[in-house]
């Protein structure tokens, strides 16, 4: 990645950073861009707030109720229908 990512690349990095640890270069590029771009910094804050609210709402518990097997099958079938030409 370039040393200064575009806004689009920055939003992708911010989203990815929510789920996985970014490489050192990507972390630095993200921080640099967030330091100078007000809009991307606001987007990143909104992502963090959504995550915080989700944790509050769910109680951040690992023993949360999972989808029932039949619901998983219905979702998988619908997704497969969308993917099939």
Protein backbone atom coordinates (compact mmCIF):
# COMPACT_ATOMS: atom_id res chain seq x y z
CA UNK A 1 0.00 0.00 0.00
CA UNK A 2 1.08 3.54 -0.65
CA UNK A 3 2.32 5.58 2.28
CA UNK A 4 -0.81 7.76 2.00
CA UNK A 5 -3.96 5.79 1.20
CA UNK A 6 -7.00 7.33 -0.46
CA UNK A 7 -10.18 7.89 1.51
CA UNK A 8 -11.67 4.72 0.00
CA UNK A 9 -8.60 2.69 0.98
CA UNK A 10 -8.69 4.25 4.45
CA UNK A 11 -12.29 3.24 5.06
CA UNK A 12 -11.43 -0.30 3.97
CA UNK A 13 -8.44 -0.34 6.33
CA UNK A 14 -10.56 0.98 9.20
CA UNK A 15 -13.16 -1.71 8.56
CA UNK A 16 -10.53 -4.46 8.32
CA UNK A 17 -8.88 -3.22 11.51
CA UNK A 18 -12.13 -3.99 13.36
CA UNK A 19 -11.69 -7.72 12.63
CA UNK A 20 -7.97 -8.33 12.28
CA UNK A 21 -4.61 -6.84 13.11
CA UNK A 22 -3.27 -4.78 10.23
CA UNK A 23 0.33 -4.90 9.10
CA UNK A 24 2.61 -2.23 10.52
CA UNK A 25 2.63 -0.35 7.20
CA UNK A 26 -1.17 -0.42 6.96
CA UNK A 27 -1.56 0.74 10.58
CA UNK A 28 0.79 3.65 9.98
CA UNK A 29 -0.91 4.60 6.70
CA UNK A 30 -4.31 4.48 8.42
CA UNK A 31 -3.14 6.62 11.33
CA UNK A 32 -1.51 9.16 9.03
CA UNK A 33 -4.62 9.52 6.90
CA UNK A 34 -6.92 9.75 9.94
CA UNK A 35 -4.70 12.49 11.36
CA UNK A 36 -5.23 14.72 8.33
CA UNK A 37 -8.67 13.74 6.99
CA UNK A 38 -11.59 14.91 9.12
CA UNK A 39 -14.17 12.85 7.20
CA UNK A 40 -12.29 9.58 7.50
CA UNK A 41 -11.55 10.26 11.16
CA UNK A 42 -15.29 10.75 11.72
CA UNK A 43 -16.05 7.51 9.85
CA UNK A 44 -13.55 5.66 12.04
CA UNK A 45 -15.15 7.09 15.19
CA UNK A 46 -18.56 5.97 13.95
CA UNK A 47 -17.24 2.44 13.40
CA UNK A 48 -15.82 2.37 16.91
CA UNK A 49 -19.10 3.66 18.36
CA UNK A 50 -21.13 1.05 16.48
CA UNK A 51 -18.88 -1.67 17.87
CA UNK A 52 -19.21 -0.25 21.38
CA UNK A 53 -23.00 -0.08 21.13
CA UNK A 54 -23.19 -3.60 19.77
CA UNK A 55 -21.15 -4.86 22.71
CA UNK A 56 -23.40 -3.02 25.16
CA UNK A 57 -26.54 -4.38 23.49
CA UNK A 58 -25.33 -7.99 23.39
CA UNK A 59 -23.60 -7.89 26.74
CA UNK A 60 -20.39 -8.89 24.92
CA UNK A 61 -21.00 -12.45 25.97
CA UNK A 62 -19.43 -15.45 24.30
CA UNK A 63 -22.43 -17.56 25.29
CA UNK A 64 -24.85 -15.54 23.17
CA UNK A 65 -27.59 -17.53 21.49
CA UNK A 66 -26.58 -18.73 18.05
CA UNK A 67 -28.80 -19.15 15.03
CA UNK A 68 -30.87 -22.28 14.97
CA UNK A 69 -29.65 -24.89 12.46
CA UNK A 70 -32.77 -24.54 10.30
CA UNK A 71 -32.27 -20.76 10.15
CA UNK A 72 -28.66 -21.28 9.07
CA UNK A 73 -29.83 -23.65 6.33
CA UNK A 74 -32.46 -21.18 5.06
CA UNK A 75 -29.90 -18.37 4.96
CA UNK A 76 -27.34 -20.56 3.20
CA UNK A 77 -29.96 -21.64 0.63
CA UNK A 78 -30.96 -18.03 -0.07
CA UNK A 79 -27.33 -16.95 -0.43
CA UNK A 80 -26.65 -19.84 -2.80
CA UNK A 81 -29.65 -18.82 -4.92
CA UNK A 82 -28.17 -15.32 -5.21
CA UNK A 83 -24.77 -16.71 -6.23
CA UNK A 84 -26.05 -19.18 -8.82
CA UNK A 85 -26.43 -17.71 -12.31
